[in-house]
């Protein structure tokens, strides 16, 4: 008898939780479409992963370097910021630092091929 009651409580509880999750998901989709997050995410997917998501000036600002900074100094700044955020920062900041380095790496490679 107790097992039957326990089983029915578990079944009813899981049904309630499933309905609540489905409703929360629908609400999240509605909120995303209102705020434009879904549109922005689709635009990022359309652009592709090989496109730069940050500009060169923003990348320089993130790493704290100027246009005249040497590549070795950029790498030193990158290593310092990346490690600092790995220890007690966030994955988001670590990602921004990495994307900034990638952007500047592409810019430095363009400059060296033009100069050669």
PDB file of N, CA and C in Angstrom:
ATOM      1  N   UNK A   1       0.817  -1.190   0.000  1.00  0.00           N
ATOM      2  CA  UNK A   1       0.000   0.000   0.000  1.00  0.00           C
ATOM      3  C   UNK A   1       0.867   1.262   0.000  1.00  0.00           C
ATOM      4  N   UNK A   2       1.899   1.305   0.851  1.00  0.00           N
ATOM      5  CA  UNK A   2       2.771   2.476   0.931  1.00  0.00           C
ATOM      6  C   UNK A   2       3.559   2.644  -0.366  1.00  0.00           C
ATOM      7  N   UNK A   3       3.936   1.520  -0.974  1.00  0.00           N
ATOM      8  CA  UNK A   3       4.685   1.591  -2.233  1.00  0.00           C
ATOM      9  C   UNK A   3       3.814   2.180  -3.335  1.00  0.00           C
ATOM     10  N   UNK A   4       2.536   1.833  -3.332  1.00  0.00           N
ATOM     11  CA  UNK A   4       1.616   2.357  -4.341  1.00  0.00           C
ATOM     12  C   UNK A   4       1.440   3.880  -4.169  1.00  0.00           C
ATOM     13  N   UNK A   5       1.315   4.321  -2.947  1.00  0.00           N
ATOM     14  CA  UNK A   5       1.167   5.761  -2.667  1.00  0.00           C
ATOM     15  C   UNK A   5       2.449   6.498  -3.061  1.00  0.00           C
ATOM     16  N   UNK A   6       3.573   5.938  -2.696  1.00  0.00           N
ATOM     17  CA  UNK A   6       4.858   6.549  -3.040  1.00  0.00           C
ATOM     18  C   UNK A   6       5.037   6.622  -4.550  1.00  0.00           C
ATOM     19  N   UNK A   7       4.675   5.566  -5.259  1.00  0.00           N
ATOM     20  CA  UNK A   7       4.792   5.554  -6.723  1.00  0.00           C
ATOM     21  C   UNK A   7       3.883   6.608  -7.342  1.00  0.00           C
ATOM     22  N   UNK A   8       2.671   6.731  -6.839  1.00  0.00           N
ATOM     23  CA  UNK A   8       1.757   7.737  -7.406  1.00  0.00           C
ATOM     24  C   UNK A   8       2.245   9.151  -7.120  1.00  0.00           C
ATOM     25  N   UNK A   9       2.827   9.372  -5.958  1.00  0.00           N
ATOM     26  CA  UNK A   9       3.388  10.692  -5.629  1.00  0.00           C
ATOM     27  C   UNK A   9       4.553  11.012  -6.559  1.00  0.00           C
ATOM     28  N   UNK A  10       5.394  10.035  -6.818  1.00  0.00           N
ATOM     29  CA  UNK A  10       6.535  10.248  -7.713  1.00  0.00           C
ATOM     30  C   UNK A  10       6.060  10.546  -9.131  1.00  0.00           C
ATOM     31  N   UNK A  11       5.076   9.805  -9.616  1.00  0.00           N
ATOM     32  CA  UNK A  11       4.544  10.017 -10.962  1.00  0.00           C
ATOM     33  C   UNK A  11       3.901  11.392 -11.074  1.00  0.00           C
ATOM     34  N   UNK A  12       3.093  11.748 -10.085  1.00  0.00           N
ATOM     35  CA  UNK A  12       2.443  13.071 -10.112  1.00  0.00           C
ATOM     36  C   UNK A  12       3.478  14.187 -10.029  1.00  0.00           C
ATOM     37  N   UNK A  13       4.464  14.013  -9.168  1.00  0.00           N
ATOM     38  CA  UNK A  13       5.512  15.032  -9.011  1.00  0.00           C
ATOM     39  C   UNK A  13       6.315  15.215 -10.277  1.00  0.00           C
ATOM     40  N   UNK A  14       6.663  14.120 -10.934  1.00  0.00           N
ATOM     41  CA  UNK A  14       7.444  14.239 -12.172  1.00  0.00           C
ATOM     42  C   UNK A  14       6.616  14.893 -13.274  1.00  0.00           C
ATOM     43  N   UNK A  15       5.312  14.627 -13.307  1.00  0.00           N
ATOM     44  CA  UNK A  15       4.448  15.281 -14.287  1.00  0.00           C
ATOM     45  C   UNK A  15       4.374  16.777 -14.063  1.00  0.00           C
ATOM     46  N   UNK A  16       4.276  17.179 -12.809  1.00  0.00           N
ATOM     47  CA  UNK A  16       4.234  18.609 -12.472  1.00  0.00           C
ATOM     48  C   UNK A  16       5.547  19.284 -12.851  1.00  0.00           C
ATOM     49  N   UNK A  17       6.652  18.639 -12.543  1.00  0.00           N
ATOM     50  CA  UNK A  17       7.968  19.201 -12.874  1.00  0.00           C
ATOM     51  C   UNK A  17       8.145  19.303 -14.383  1.00  0.00           C
ATOM     52  N   UNK A  18       7.719  18.301 -15.127  1.00  0.00           N
ATOM     53  CA  UNK A  18       7.846  18.327 -16.592  1.00  0.00           C
ATOM     54  C   UNK A  18       7.032  19.474 -17.183  1.00  0.00           C
ATOM     55  N   UNK A  19       5.801  19.670 -16.694  1.00  0.00           N
ATOM     56  CA  UNK A  19       4.982  20.778 -17.188  1.00  0.00           C
ATOM     57  C   UNK A  19       5.606  22.123 -16.843  1.00  0.00           C
ATOM     58  N   UNK A  20       6.167  22.243 -15.643  1.00  0.00           N
ATOM     59  CA  UNK A  20       6.798  23.499 -15.236  1.00  0.00           C
ATOM     60  C   UNK A  20       8.026  23.802 -16.095  1.00  0.00           C
ATOM     61  N   UNK A  21       8.814  22.774 -16.404  1.00  0.00           N
ATOM     62  CA  UNK A  21       9.997  22.965 -17.268  1.00  0.00           C
ATOM     63  C   UNK A  21       9.583  23.384 -18.670  1.00  0.00           C
ATOM     64  N   UNK A  22       8.547  22.762 -19.198  1.00  0.00           N
ATOM     65  CA  UNK A  22       8.073  23.120 -20.538  1.00  0.00           C
ATOM     66  C   UNK A  22       7.561  24.552 -20.565  1.00  0.00           C
ATOM     67  N   UNK A  23       6.847  24.951 -19.538  1.00  0.00           N
ATOM     68  CA  UNK A  23       6.342  26.319 -19.471  1.00  0.00           C
ATOM     69  C   UNK A  23       7.494  27.320 -19.335  1.00  0.00           C
ATOM     70  N   UNK A  24       8.488  26.993 -18.524  1.00  0.00           N
ATOM     71  CA  UNK A  24       9.644  27.873 -18.360  1.00  0.00           C
ATOM     72  C   UNK A  24      10.405  28.018 -19.674  1.00  0.00           C
ATOM     73  N   UNK A  25      10.524  26.933 -20.430  1.00  0.00           N
ATOM     74  CA  UNK A  25      11.215  26.974 -21.718  1.00  0.00           C
ATOM     75  C   UNK A  25      10.458  27.867 -22.703  1.00  0.00           C
ATOM     76  N   UNK A  26       9.132  27.716 -22.746  1.00  0.00           N
ATOM     77  CA  UNK A  26       8.330  28.574 -23.624  1.00  0.00           C
ATOM     78  C   UNK A  26       8.482  30.040 -23.244  1.00  0.00           C
ATOM     79  N   UNK A  27       8.501  30.324 -21.942  1.00  0.00           N
ATOM     80  CA  UNK A  27       8.659  31.703 -21.484  1.00  0.00           C
ATOM     81  C   UNK A  27      10.048  32.237 -21.838  1.00  0.00           C
ATOM     82  N   UNK A  28      11.066  31.416 -21.717  1.00  0.00           N
ATOM     83  CA  UNK A  28      12.426  31.833 -22.074  1.00  0.00           C
ATOM     84  C   UNK A  28      12.515  32.158 -23.559  1.00  0.00           C
ATOM     85  N   UNK A  29      11.875  31.345 -24.403  1.00  0.00           N
ATOM     86  CA  UNK A  29      11.863  31.629 -25.838  1.00  0.00           C
ATOM     87  C   UNK A  29      11.143  32.937 -26.134  1.00  0.00           C
ATOM     88  N   UNK A  30      10.036  33.175 -25.441  1.00  0.00           N
ATOM     89  CA  UNK A  30       9.293  34.422 -25.643  1.00  0.00           C
ATOM     90  C   UNK A  30      10.131  35.621 -25.213  1.00  0.00           C
ATOM     91  N   UNK A  31      10.815  35.516 -24.080  1.00  0.00           N
ATOM     92  CA  UNK A  31      11.667  36.608 -23.610  1.00  0.00           C
ATOM     93  C   UNK A  31      12.830  36.855 -24.567  1.00  0.00           C
ATOM     94  N   UNK A  32      13.415  35.783 -25.083  1.00  0.00           N
ATOM     95  CA  UNK A  32      14.537  35.926 -26.007  1.00  0.00           C
ATOM     96  C   UNK A  32      14.100  36.603 -27.295  1.00  0.00           C
ATOM     97  N   UNK A  33      12.931  36.270 -27.785  1.00  0.00           N
ATOM     98  CA  UNK A  33      12.476  36.895 -29.028  1.00  0.00           C
ATOM     99  C   UNK A  33      12.120  38.358 -28.802  1.00  0.00           C
ATOM    100  N   UNK A  34      11.637  38.706 -27.621  1.00  0.00           N
ATOM    101  CA  UNK A  34      11.317  40.104 -27.322  1.00  0.00           C
ATOM    102  C   UNK A  34      12.573  40.956 -27.211  1.00  0.00           C
ATOM    103  N   UNK A  35      13.604  40.421 -26.610  1.00  0.00           N
ATOM    104  CA  UNK A  35      14.819  41.201 -26.380  1.00  0.00           C
ATOM    105  C   UNK A  35      15.793  41.167 -27.555  1.00  0.00           C
ATOM    106  N   UNK A  36      15.552  40.342 -28.537  1.00  0.00           N
ATOM    107  CA  UNK A  36      16.430  40.277 -29.694  1.00  0.00           C
ATOM    108  C   UNK A  36      17.603  39.333 -29.530  1.00  0.00           C
ATOM    109  N   UNK A  37      17.670  38.616 -28.431  1.00  0.00           N
ATOM    110  CA  UNK A  37      18.781  37.689 -28.197  1.00  0.00           C
ATOM    111  C   UNK A  37      18.781  36.581 -29.238  1.00  0.00           C
ATOM    112  N   UNK A  38      17.606  36.079 -29.561  1.00  0.00           N
ATOM    113  CA  UNK A  38      17.522  35.001 -30.542  1.00  0.00           C
ATOM    114  C   UNK A  38      18.008  35.481 -31.904  1.00  0.00           C
ATOM    115  N   UNK A  39      17.630  36.697 -32.281  1.00  0.00           N
ATOM    116  CA  UNK A  39      18.066  37.246 -33.562  1.00  0.00           C
ATOM    117  C   UNK A  39      19.582  37.420 -33.592  1.00  0.00           C
ATOM    118  N   UNK A  40      20.133  37.948 -32.506  1.00  0.00           N
ATOM    119  CA  UNK A  40      21.585  38.144 -32.443  1.00  0.00           C
ATOM    120  C   UNK A  40      22.324  36.811 -32.513  1.00  0.00           C
ATOM    121  N   UNK A  41      21.808  35.801 -31.840  1.00  0.00           N
ATOM    122  CA  UNK A  41      22.437  34.484 -31.884  1.00  0.00           C
ATOM    123  C   UNK A  41      22.413  33.915 -33.293  1.00  0.00           C
ATOM    124  N   UNK A  42      21.307  34.093 -33.992  1.00  0.00           N
ATOM    125  CA  UNK A  42      21.214  33.607 -35.372  1.00  0.00           C
ATOM    126  C   UNK A  42      22.187  34.356 -36.284  1.00  0.00           C
ATOM    127  N   UNK A  43      22.344  35.655 -36.069  1.00  0.00           N
ATOM    128  CA  UNK A  43      23.292  36.423 -36.870  1.00  0.00           C
ATOM    129  C   UNK A  43      24.716  35.944 -36.648  1.00  0.00           C
ATOM    130  N   UNK A  44      25.051  35.620 -35.404  1.00  0.00           N
ATOM    131  CA  UNK A  44      26.386  35.100 -35.107  1.00  0.00           C
ATOM    132  C   UNK A  44      26.608  33.752 -35.780  1.00  0.00           C
ATOM    133  N   UNK A  45      25.587  32.919 -35.812  1.00  0.00           N
ATOM    134  CA  UNK A  45      25.699  31.620 -36.479  1.00  0.00           C
ATOM    135  C   UNK A  45      25.878  31.824 -37.978  1.00  0.00           C
ATOM    136  N   UNK A  46      25.126  32.762 -38.553  1.00  0.00           N
ATOM    137  CA  UNK A  46      25.220  33.022 -39.993  1.00  0.00           C
ATOM    138  C   UNK A  46      26.602  33.544 -40.372  1.00  0.00           C
ATOM    139  N   UNK A  47      27.169  34.407 -39.512  1.00  0.00           N
ATOM    140  CA  UNK A  47      28.495  34.965 -39.800  1.00  0.00           C
ATOM    141  C   UNK A  47      29.566  33.896 -39.805  1.00  0.00           C
ATOM    142  N   UNK A  48      29.386  32.885 -39.014  1.00  0.00           N
ATOM    143  CA  UNK A  48      30.360  31.796 -38.964  1.00  0.00           C
ATOM    144  C   UNK A  48      31.368  32.019 -37.868  1.00  0.00           C
ATOM    145  N   UNK A  49      32.003  30.956 -37.474  1.00  0.00           N
ATOM    146  CA  UNK A  49      32.939  31.029 -36.352  1.00  0.00           C
ATOM    147  C   UNK A  49      34.277  31.630 -36.743  1.00  0.00           C
ATOM    148  N   UNK A  50      34.592  31.684 -38.043  1.00  0.00           N
ATOM    149  CA  UNK A  50      35.891  32.217 -38.431  1.00  0.00           C
ATOM    150  C   UNK A  50      35.889  33.733 -38.598  1.00  0.00           C
ATOM    151  N   UNK A  51      34.739  34.360 -38.425  1.00  0.00           N
ATOM    152  CA  UNK A  51      34.681  35.813 -38.498  1.00  0.00           C
ATOM    153  C   UNK A  51      35.079  36.392 -37.148  1.00  0.00           C
ATOM    154  N   UNK A  52      35.729  37.550 -37.175  1.00  0.00           N
ATOM    155  CA  UNK A  52      36.117  38.206 -35.941  1.00  0.00           C
ATOM    156  C   UNK A  52      34.881  38.791 -35.279  1.00  0.00           C
ATOM    157  N   UNK A  53      34.670  38.472 -34.033  1.00  0.00           N
ATOM    158  CA  UNK A  53      33.522  38.982 -33.318  1.00  0.00           C
ATOM    159  C   UNK A  53      33.853  40.268 -32.563  1.00  0.00           C
ATOM    160  N   UNK A  54      35.129  40.618 -32.483  1.00  0.00           N
ATOM    161  CA  UNK A  54      35.500  41.877 -31.857  1.00  0.00           C
ATOM    162  C   UNK A  54      36.389  42.645 -32.814  1.00  0.00           C
ATOM    163  N   UNK A  55      36.377  43.946 -32.682  1.00  0.00           N
ATOM    164  CA  UNK A  55      37.187  44.791 -33.559  1.00  0.00           C
ATOM    165  C   UNK A  55      38.611  44.898 -33.013  1.00  0.00           C
ATOM    166  N   UNK A  56      39.490  45.372 -33.869  1.00  0.00           N
ATOM    167  CA  UNK A  56      40.892  45.509 -33.456  1.00  0.00           C
ATOM    168  C   UNK A  56      41.055  46.521 -32.324  1.00  0.00           C
ATOM    169  N   UNK A  57      40.390  47.686 -32.376  1.00  0.00           N
ATOM    170  CA  UNK A  57      40.516  48.614 -31.237  1.00  0.00           C
ATOM    171  C   UNK A  57      39.996  48.019 -29.922  1.00  0.00           C
ATOM    172  N   UNK A  58      38.907  47.248 -30.005  1.00  0.00           N
ATOM    173  CA  UNK A  58      38.384  46.606 -28.799  1.00  0.00           C
ATOM    174  C   UNK A  58      39.375  45.568 -28.277  1.00  0.00           C
ATOM    175  N   UNK A  59      39.995  44.818 -29.182  1.00  0.00           N
ATOM    176  CA  UNK A  59      40.983  43.819 -28.781  1.00  0.00           C
ATOM    177  C   UNK A  59      42.175  44.487 -28.104  1.00  0.00           C
ATOM    178  N   UNK A  60      42.612  45.608 -28.653  1.00  0.00           N
ATOM    179  CA  UNK A  60      43.729  46.342 -28.038  1.00  0.00           C
ATOM    180  C   UNK A  60      43.348  46.844 -26.650  1.00  0.00           C
ATOM    181  N   UNK A  61      42.112  47.297 -26.514  1.00  0.00           N
ATOM    182  CA  UNK A  61      41.645  47.789 -25.221  1.00  0.00           C
ATOM    183  C   UNK A  61      41.566  46.653 -24.200  1.00  0.00           C
ATOM    184  N   UNK A  62      41.109  45.504 -24.618  1.00  0.00           N
ATOM    185  CA  UNK A  62      41.001  44.350 -23.712  1.00  0.00           C
ATOM    186  C   UNK A  62      42.373  43.959 -23.185  1.00  0.00           C
ATOM    187  N   UNK A  63      43.363  43.912 -24.080  1.00  0.00           N
ATOM    188  CA  UNK A  63      44.707  43.504 -23.664  1.00  0.00           C
ATOM    189  C   UNK A  63      45.539  44.660 -23.114  1.00  0.00           C
ATOM    190  N   UNK A  64      45.065  45.882 -23.284  1.00  0.00           N
ATOM    191  CA  UNK A  64      45.792  47.037 -22.763  1.00  0.00           C
ATOM    192  C   UNK A  64      47.060  47.335 -23.537  1.00  0.00           C
ATOM    193  N   UNK A  65      46.984  47.253 -24.864  1.00  0.00           N
ATOM    194  CA  UNK A  65      48.143  47.529 -25.707  1.00  0.00           C
ATOM    195  C   UNK A  65      47.780  48.606 -26.717  1.00  0.00           C
ATOM    196  N   UNK A  66      48.801  49.165 -27.359  1.00  0.00           N
ATOM    197  CA  UNK A  66      48.593  50.174 -28.395  1.00  0.00           C
ATOM    198  C   UNK A  66      48.988  49.599 -29.746  1.00  0.00           C
ATOM    199  N   UNK A  67      48.824  50.401 -30.783  1.00  0.00           N
ATOM    200  CA  UNK A  67      49.195  49.952 -32.126  1.00  0.00           C
ATOM    201  C   UNK A  67      50.694  49.759 -32.260  1.00  0.00           C
ATOM    202  N   UNK A  68      51.465  50.466 -31.457  1.00  0.00           N
ATOM    203  CA  UNK A  68      52.927  50.395 -31.553  1.00  0.00           C
ATOM    204  C   UNK A  68      53.531  49.311 -30.669  1.00  0.00           C
ATOM    205  N   UNK A  69      52.702  48.600 -29.933  1.00  0.00           N
ATOM    206  CA  UNK A  69      53.188  47.538 -29.050  1.00  0.00           C
ATOM    207  C   UNK A  69      53.693  46.367 -29.884  1.00  0.00           C
ATOM    208  N   UNK A  70      54.822  45.814 -29.489  1.00  0.00           N
ATOM    209  CA  UNK A  70      55.377  44.667 -30.225  1.00  0.00           C
ATOM    210  C   UNK A  70      54.561  43.411 -29.934  1.00  0.00           C
ATOM    211  N   UNK A  71      54.711  42.432 -30.828  1.00  0.00           N
ATOM    212  CA  UNK A  71      53.957  41.194 -30.679  1.00  0.00           C
ATOM    213  C   UNK A  71      54.366  40.456 -29.406  1.00  0.00           C
ATOM    214  N   UNK A  72      55.642  40.523 -29.040  1.00  0.00           N
ATOM    215  CA  UNK A  72      56.095  39.870 -27.817  1.00  0.00           C
ATOM    216  C   UNK A  72      55.414  40.458 -26.583  1.00  0.00           C
ATOM    217  N   UNK A  73      55.248  41.783 -26.567  1.00  0.00           N
ATOM    218  CA  UNK A  73      54.564  42.418 -25.443  1.00  0.00           C
ATOM    219  C   UNK A  73      53.085  42.034 -25.409  1.00  0.00           C
ATOM    220  N   UNK A  74      52.481  41.915 -26.589  1.00  0.00           N
ATOM    221  CA  UNK A  74      51.082  41.491 -26.668  1.00  0.00           C
ATOM    222  C   UNK A  74      50.948  40.090 -26.081  1.00  0.00           C
ATOM    223  N   UNK A  75      51.853  39.192 -26.424  1.00  0.00           N
ATOM    224  CA  UNK A  75      51.813  37.827 -25.893  1.00  0.00           C
ATOM    225  C   UNK A  75      52.014  37.805 -24.378  1.00  0.00           C
ATOM    226  N   UNK A  76      52.895  38.671 -23.879  1.00  0.00           N
ATOM    227  CA  UNK A  76      53.106  38.744 -22.431  1.00  0.00           C
ATOM    228  C   UNK A  76      51.834  39.201 -21.720  1.00  0.00           C
ATOM    229  N   UNK A  77      51.180  40.234 -22.272  1.00  0.00           N
ATOM    230  CA  UNK A  77      49.924  40.725 -21.692  1.00  0.00           C
ATOM    231  C   UNK A  77      48.863  39.629 -21.739  1.00  0.00           C
ATOM    232  N   UNK A  78      48.795  38.946 -22.881  1.00  0.00           N
ATOM    233  CA  UNK A  78      47.822  37.867 -23.042  1.00  0.00           C
ATOM    234  C   UNK A  78      48.042  36.780 -21.992  1.00  0.00           C
ATOM    235  N   UNK A  79      49.280  36.307 -21.880  1.00  0.00           N
ATOM    236  CA  UNK A  79      49.581  35.246 -20.915  1.00  0.00           C
ATOM    237  C   UNK A  79      49.215  35.662 -19.499  1.00  0.00           C
ATOM    238  N   UNK A  80      49.569  36.887 -19.139  1.00  0.00           N
ATOM    239  CA  UNK A  80      49.292  37.382 -17.794  1.00  0.00           C
ATOM    240  C   UNK A  80      47.788  37.435 -17.526  1.00  0.00           C
ATOM    241  N   UNK A  81      47.022  38.028 -18.450  1.00  0.00           N
ATOM    242  CA  UNK A  81      45.577  38.149 -18.260  1.00  0.00           C
ATOM    243  C   UNK A  81      44.875  36.792 -18.315  1.00  0.00           C
ATOM    244  N   UNK A  82      45.318  35.937 -19.225  1.00  0.00           N
ATOM    245  CA  UNK A  82      44.696  34.618 -19.366  1.00  0.00           C
ATOM    246  C   UNK A  82      44.889  33.804 -18.097  1.00  0.00           C
ATOM    247  N   UNK A  83      46.100  33.789 -17.568  1.00  0.00           N
ATOM    248  CA  UNK A  83      46.386  33.023 -16.354  1.00  0.00           C
ATOM    249  C   UNK A  83      45.662  33.605 -15.151  1.00  0.00           C
ATOM    250  N   UNK A  84      45.624  34.931 -15.058  1.00  0.00           N
ATOM    251  CA  UNK A  84      44.942  35.572 -13.937  1.00  0.00           C
ATOM    252  C   UNK A  84      43.449  35.194 -13.936  1.00  0.00           C
ATOM    253  N   UNK A  85      42.833  35.184 -15.108  1.00  0.00           N
ATOM    254  CA  UNK A  85      41.421  34.826 -15.188  1.00  0.00           C
ATOM    255  C   UNK A  85      41.198  33.326 -15.052  1.00  0.00           C
ATOM    256  N   UNK A  86      42.206  32.540 -15.339  1.00  0.00           N
ATOM    257  CA  UNK A  86      42.084  31.097 -15.141  1.00  0.00           C
ATOM    258  C   UNK A  86      42.067  30.770 -13.648  1.00  0.00           C
ATOM    259  N   UNK A  87      42.825  31.537 -12.870  1.00  0.00           N
ATOM    260  CA  UNK A  87      42.928  31.260 -11.437  1.00  0.00           C
ATOM    261  C   UNK A  87      41.712  31.758 -10.657  1.00  0.00           C
ATOM    262  N   UNK A  88      41.370  33.031 -10.847  1.00  0.00           N
ATOM    263  CA  UNK A  88      40.284  33.558 -10.028  1.00  0.00           C
ATOM    264  C   UNK A  88      39.339  34.459 -10.810  1.00  0.00           C
ATOM    265  N   UNK A  89      39.313  34.297 -12.103  1.00  0.00           N
ATOM    266  CA  UNK A  89      38.419  35.098 -12.922  1.00  0.00           C
ATOM    267  C   UNK A  89      37.260  34.271 -13.427  1.00  0.00           C
ATOM    268  N   UNK A  90      36.829  34.593 -14.614  1.00  0.00           N
ATOM    269  CA  UNK A  90      35.705  33.860 -15.181  1.00  0.00           C
ATOM    270  C   UNK A  90      36.068  33.336 -16.560  1.00  0.00           C
ATOM    271  N   UNK A  91      35.333  32.332 -16.985  1.00  0.00           N
ATOM    272  CA  UNK A  91      35.548  31.768 -18.308  1.00  0.00           C
ATOM    273  C   UNK A  91      35.217  32.801 -19.382  1.00  0.00           C
ATOM    274  N   UNK A  92      34.220  33.637 -19.128  1.00  0.00           N
ATOM    275  CA  UNK A  92      33.835  34.677 -20.090  1.00  0.00           C
ATOM    276  C   UNK A  92      35.000  35.643 -20.327  1.00  0.00           C
ATOM    277  N   UNK A  93      35.621  36.123 -19.251  1.00  0.00           N
ATOM    278  CA  UNK A  93      36.747  37.041 -19.406  1.00  0.00           C
ATOM    279  C   UNK A  93      37.929  36.359 -20.078  1.00  0.00           C
ATOM    280  N   UNK A  94      38.146  35.109 -19.730  1.00  0.00           N
ATOM    281  CA  UNK A  94      39.216  34.342 -20.360  1.00  0.00           C
ATOM    282  C   UNK A  94      38.959  34.233 -21.860  1.00  0.00           C
ATOM    283  N   UNK A  95      37.718  34.018 -22.230  1.00  0.00           N
ATOM    284  CA  UNK A  95      37.344  33.919 -23.638  1.00  0.00           C
ATOM    285  C   UNK A  95      37.563  35.244 -24.356  1.00  0.00           C
ATOM    286  N   UNK A  96      37.197  36.359 -23.711  1.00  0.00           N
ATOM    287  CA  UNK A  96      37.394  37.675 -24.319  1.00  0.00           C
ATOM    288  C   UNK A  96      38.880  37.940 -24.552  1.00  0.00           C
ATOM    289  N   UNK A  97      39.704  37.582 -23.590  1.00  0.00           N
ATOM    290  CA  UNK A  97      41.152  37.775 -23.721  1.00  0.00           C
ATOM    291  C   UNK A  97      41.683  36.929 -24.874  1.00  0.00           C
ATOM    292  N   UNK A  98      41.212  35.709 -24.977  1.00  0.00           N
ATOM    293  CA  UNK A  98      41.662  34.816 -26.058  1.00  0.00           C
ATOM    294  C   UNK A  98      41.231  35.359 -27.425  1.00  0.00           C
ATOM    295  N   UNK A  99      39.972  35.807 -27.531  1.00  0.00           N
ATOM    296  CA  UNK A  99      39.484  36.367 -28.805  1.00  0.00           C
ATOM    297  C   UNK A  99      40.247  37.630 -29.172  1.00  0.00           C
ATOM    298  N   UNK A 100      40.619  38.426 -28.178  1.00  0.00           N
ATOM    299  CA  UNK A 100      41.392  39.636 -28.440  1.00  0.00           C
ATOM    300  C   UNK A 100      42.761  39.271 -29.011  1.00  0.00           C
ATOM    301  N   UNK A 101      43.386  38.247 -28.441  1.00  0.00           N
ATOM    302  CA  UNK A 101      44.687  37.804 -28.954  1.00  0.00           C
ATOM    303  C   UNK A 101      44.556  37.294 -30.380  1.00  0.00           C
ATOM    304  N   UNK A 102      43.502  36.520 -30.657  1.00  0.00           N
ATOM    305  CA  UNK A 102      43.296  36.015 -32.019  1.00  0.00           C
ATOM    306  C   UNK A 102      43.118  37.156 -33.013  1.00  0.00           C
ATOM    307  N   UNK A 103      42.343  38.154 -32.629  1.00  0.00           N
ATOM    308  CA  UNK A 103      42.103  39.301 -33.503  1.00  0.00           C
ATOM    309  C   UNK A 103      43.407  40.038 -33.791  1.00  0.00           C
ATOM    310  N   UNK A 104      44.191  40.299 -32.743  1.00  0.00           N
ATOM    311  CA  UNK A 104      45.453  41.018 -32.935  1.00  0.00           C
ATOM    312  C   UNK A 104      46.472  40.165 -33.676  1.00  0.00           C
ATOM    313  N   UNK A 105      46.422  38.865 -33.481  1.00  0.00           N
ATOM    314  CA  UNK A 105      47.326  37.978 -34.209  1.00  0.00           C
ATOM    315  C   UNK A 105      47.066  38.085 -35.713  1.00  0.00           C
ATOM    316  N   UNK A 106      45.794  38.102 -36.077  1.00  0.00           N
ATOM    317  CA  UNK A 106      45.441  38.249 -37.496  1.00  0.00           C
ATOM    318  C   UNK A 106      45.898  39.606 -38.021  1.00  0.00           C
ATOM    319  N   UNK A 107      45.742  40.641 -37.211  1.00  0.00           N
ATOM    320  CA  UNK A 107      46.157  41.989 -37.628  1.00  0.00           C
ATOM    321  C   UNK A 107      47.679  42.059 -37.788  1.00  0.00           C
ATOM    322  N   UNK A 108      48.415  41.457 -36.853  1.00  0.00           N
ATOM    323  CA  UNK A 108      49.875  41.476 -36.945  1.00  0.00           C
ATOM    324  C   UNK A 108      50.356  40.661 -38.146  1.00  0.00           C
ATOM    325  N   UNK A 109      49.673  39.556 -38.429  1.00  0.00           N
ATOM    326  CA  UNK A 109      50.057  38.761 -39.601  1.00  0.00           C
ATOM    327  C   UNK A 109      49.810  39.525 -40.894  1.00  0.00           C
ATOM    328  N   UNK A 110      48.726  40.277 -40.967  1.00  0.00           N
ATOM    329  CA  UNK A 110      48.456  41.100 -42.148  1.00  0.00           C
ATOM    330  C   UNK A 110      49.527  42.157 -42.322  1.00  0.00           C
ATOM    331  N   UNK A 111      49.922  42.768 -41.222  1.00  0.00           N
ATOM    332  CA  UNK A 111      50.938  43.813 -41.287  1.00  0.00           C
ATOM    333  C   UNK A 111      52.295  43.258 -41.699  1.00  0.00           C
ATOM    334  N   UNK A 112      52.650  42.065 -41.245  1.00  0.00           N
ATOM    335  CA  UNK A 112      53.955  41.505 -41.618  1.00  0.00           C
ATOM    336  C   UNK A 112      53.963  41.043 -43.072  1.00  0.00           C
ATOM    337  N   UNK A 113      52.833  40.570 -43.578  1.00  0.00           N
ATOM    338  CA  UNK A 113      52.808  40.157 -44.989  1.00  0.00           C
ATOM    339  C   UNK A 113      52.807  41.362 -45.910  1.00  0.00           C
ATOM    340  N   UNK A 114      52.213  42.472 -45.487  1.00  0.00           N
ATOM    341  CA  UNK A 114      52.255  43.691 -46.301  1.00  0.00           C
ATOM    342  C   UNK A 114      53.654  44.280 -46.335  1.00  0.00           C
ATOM    343  N   UNK A 115      54.340  44.193 -45.187  1.00  0.00           N
ATOM    344  CA  UNK A 115      55.664  44.771 -45.098  1.00  0.00           C
ATOM    345  C   UNK A 115      56.720  43.960 -45.826  1.00  0.00           C
ATOM    346  N   UNK A 116      56.457  42.700 -46.065  1.00  0.00           N
ATOM    347  CA  UNK A 116      57.454  41.822 -46.714  1.00  0.00           C
ATOM    348  C   UNK A 116      57.455  41.931 -48.191  1.00  0.00           C
TER     349      UNK A 116
END
